[in-house]
Amino acid sequence: MPAYLFLAIAVVCEVVATTALKASEGFTRLVPSLVVVIGYSIAFYFLSLTLKTIPTGVAYALWSGFGIILVSLISFLLYRQALDLPAVIGIGLILAGVLVINLFSQSSAH
C-alpha cells in the first residue's frame, strides 16, 4: 500500500506544480516559479519510490491520468477554463482507463 500512497503524493505535487506553472507566467514570477520547481521535484521523487513496486507503465498511466483529471478540474475552478463536450468525453475516457487499470489489471498487483 505505501506505493499507492507515494503515487498519490506524486500526483498531488504534480498537480500543484502544473497549476502554478500558469501562474509563473513563463518563470517571470518568483513564488509560483519556486512552487513549480519544488512541486515537480517532490513529484518525481515520490514517483521514483512508486516505481520500486508498481510497473513503470502502470504507475505512469495512473499518475498522468489522475493528473490530467485534477488539473482540468482545477483549471476550470481557478482559471475558469471551460471544457467543450469532446474534451469532457476524452477526460471521461481517461478516467475509465484509470479505473480499468486499478480494478481489473493484474499488472498493477505487487
Protein backbone atom coordinates (compact mmCIF):
# COMPACT_ATOMS: atom_id res chain seq x y z
CA MET A 1 0.00 0.00 0.00
CA PRO A 2 2.83 2.53 0.54
CA ALA A 3 3.43 2.56 -3.22
CA TYR A 4 -0.06 3.92 -3.80
CA LEU A 5 0.43 6.50 -1.06
CA PHE A 6 3.69 7.56 -2.74
CA LEU A 7 1.84 7.72 -6.06
CA ALA A 8 -0.90 9.88 -4.53
CA ILE A 9 1.72 12.28 -3.13
CA ALA A 10 3.39 12.39 -6.55
CA VAL A 11 0.07 13.19 -8.24
CA VAL A 12 -0.82 15.96 -5.78
CA CYS A 13 2.62 17.58 -6.09
CA GLU A 14 2.49 17.35 -9.88
CA VAL A 15 -0.97 18.94 -9.94
CA VAL A 16 0.16 21.77 -7.65
CA ALA A 17 3.27 22.34 -9.79
CA THR A 18 1.32 22.27 -13.06
CA THR A 19 -1.27 24.68 -11.69
CA ALA A 20 1.50 27.03 -10.54
CA LEU A 21 3.12 26.81 -13.98
CA LYS A 22 0.43 29.06 -15.44
CA ALA A 23 0.76 31.48 -12.52
CA SER A 24 4.55 31.63 -13.03
CA GLU A 25 3.94 33.47 -16.31
CA GLY A 26 6.87 31.88 -18.10
CA PHE A 27 9.00 31.75 -14.94
CA THR A 28 8.88 35.53 -14.60
CA ARG A 29 7.22 35.42 -11.16
CA LEU A 30 9.40 34.10 -8.35
CA VAL A 31 6.98 32.44 -5.92
CA PRO A 32 4.94 30.49 -8.49
CA SER A 33 8.20 29.51 -10.24
CA LEU A 34 9.57 28.12 -6.96
CA VAL A 35 6.33 26.19 -6.43
CA VAL A 36 6.76 24.67 -9.91
CA VAL A 37 10.36 23.58 -9.35
CA ILE A 38 9.78 22.27 -5.82
CA GLY A 39 6.48 20.62 -6.72
CA TYR A 40 7.89 18.75 -9.70
CA SER A 41 10.98 17.75 -7.72
CA ILE A 42 8.86 16.22 -4.97
CA ALA A 43 6.53 14.64 -7.53
CA PHE A 44 9.35 12.91 -9.38
CA TYR A 45 10.96 11.78 -6.12
CA PHE A 46 7.74 10.09 -4.97
CA LEU A 47 7.09 8.71 -8.44
CA SER A 48 10.56 7.11 -8.29
CA LEU A 49 9.63 5.47 -4.97
CA THR A 50 6.42 4.21 -6.56
CA LEU A 51 8.40 2.56 -9.36
CA LYS A 52 10.12 0.26 -6.88
CA THR A 53 6.84 -1.64 -6.60
CA ILE A 54 4.43 -0.68 -9.38
CA PRO A 55 5.44 -1.28 -13.02
CA THR A 56 6.51 1.89 -14.82
CA GLY A 57 3.74 1.80 -17.44
CA VAL A 58 1.00 1.33 -14.87
CA ALA A 59 2.39 3.96 -12.48
CA TYR A 60 2.80 6.50 -15.26
CA ALA A 61 -0.69 5.81 -16.62
CA LEU A 62 -2.20 6.37 -13.19
CA TRP A 63 -0.01 9.40 -12.45
CA SER A 64 -0.74 11.13 -15.72
CA GLY A 65 -4.41 10.10 -15.81
CA PHE A 66 -5.21 11.42 -12.35
CA GLY A 67 -3.05 14.47 -13.07
CA ILE A 68 -4.97 15.31 -16.24
CA ILE A 69 -8.31 14.95 -14.49
CA LEU A 70 -7.31 17.05 -11.48
CA VAL A 71 -5.54 19.77 -13.49
CA SER A 72 -8.58 20.06 -15.77
CA LEU A 73 -10.88 20.41 -12.77
CA ILE A 74 -8.64 22.96 -11.04
CA SER A 75 -8.21 24.93 -14.27
CA PHE A 76 -11.97 25.11 -14.59
CA LEU A 77 -12.45 26.22 -10.98
CA LEU A 78 -9.44 28.51 -10.62
CA TYR A 79 -8.91 29.94 -14.11
CA ARG A 80 -12.45 29.50 -15.48
CA GLN A 81 -11.11 27.45 -18.40
CA ALA A 82 -14.22 25.75 -19.76
CA LEU A 83 -14.07 22.39 -21.49
CA ASP A 84 -16.20 21.55 -24.51
CA LEU A 85 -18.05 18.25 -24.88
CA PRO A 86 -15.24 16.40 -26.74
CA ALA A 87 -12.78 17.41 -24.00
CA VAL A 88 -15.14 16.19 -21.28
CA ILE A 89 -15.67 12.90 -23.14
CA GLY A 90 -11.90 12.48 -23.56
CA ILE A 91 -11.27 13.11 -19.87
CA GLY A 92 -14.05 10.63 -19.06
CA LEU A 93 -12.27 8.03 -21.19
CA ILE A 94 -9.02 8.73 -19.33
CA LEU A 95 -10.87 8.22 -16.04
CA ALA A 96 -12.34 4.98 -17.38
CA GLY A 97 -8.85 3.80 -18.30
CA VAL A 98 -7.51 4.58 -14.84
CA LEU A 99 -10.41 2.68 -13.28
CA VAL A 100 -9.87 -0.34 -15.54
CA ILE A 101 -6.19 -0.46 -14.58
CA ASN A 102 -6.95 -0.20 -10.87
CA LEU A 103 -9.89 -2.57 -10.78
CA PHE A 104 -9.02 -5.25 -13.31
CA SER A 105 -5.36 -5.25 -14.29
CA GLN A 106 -3.04 -7.80 -12.74
CA SER A 107 -0.11 -5.65 -13.90
CA SER A 108 -0.61 -3.28 -11.01
CA ALA A 109 -0.58 -6.10 -8.44
CA HIS A 110 2.58 -6.41 -6.40
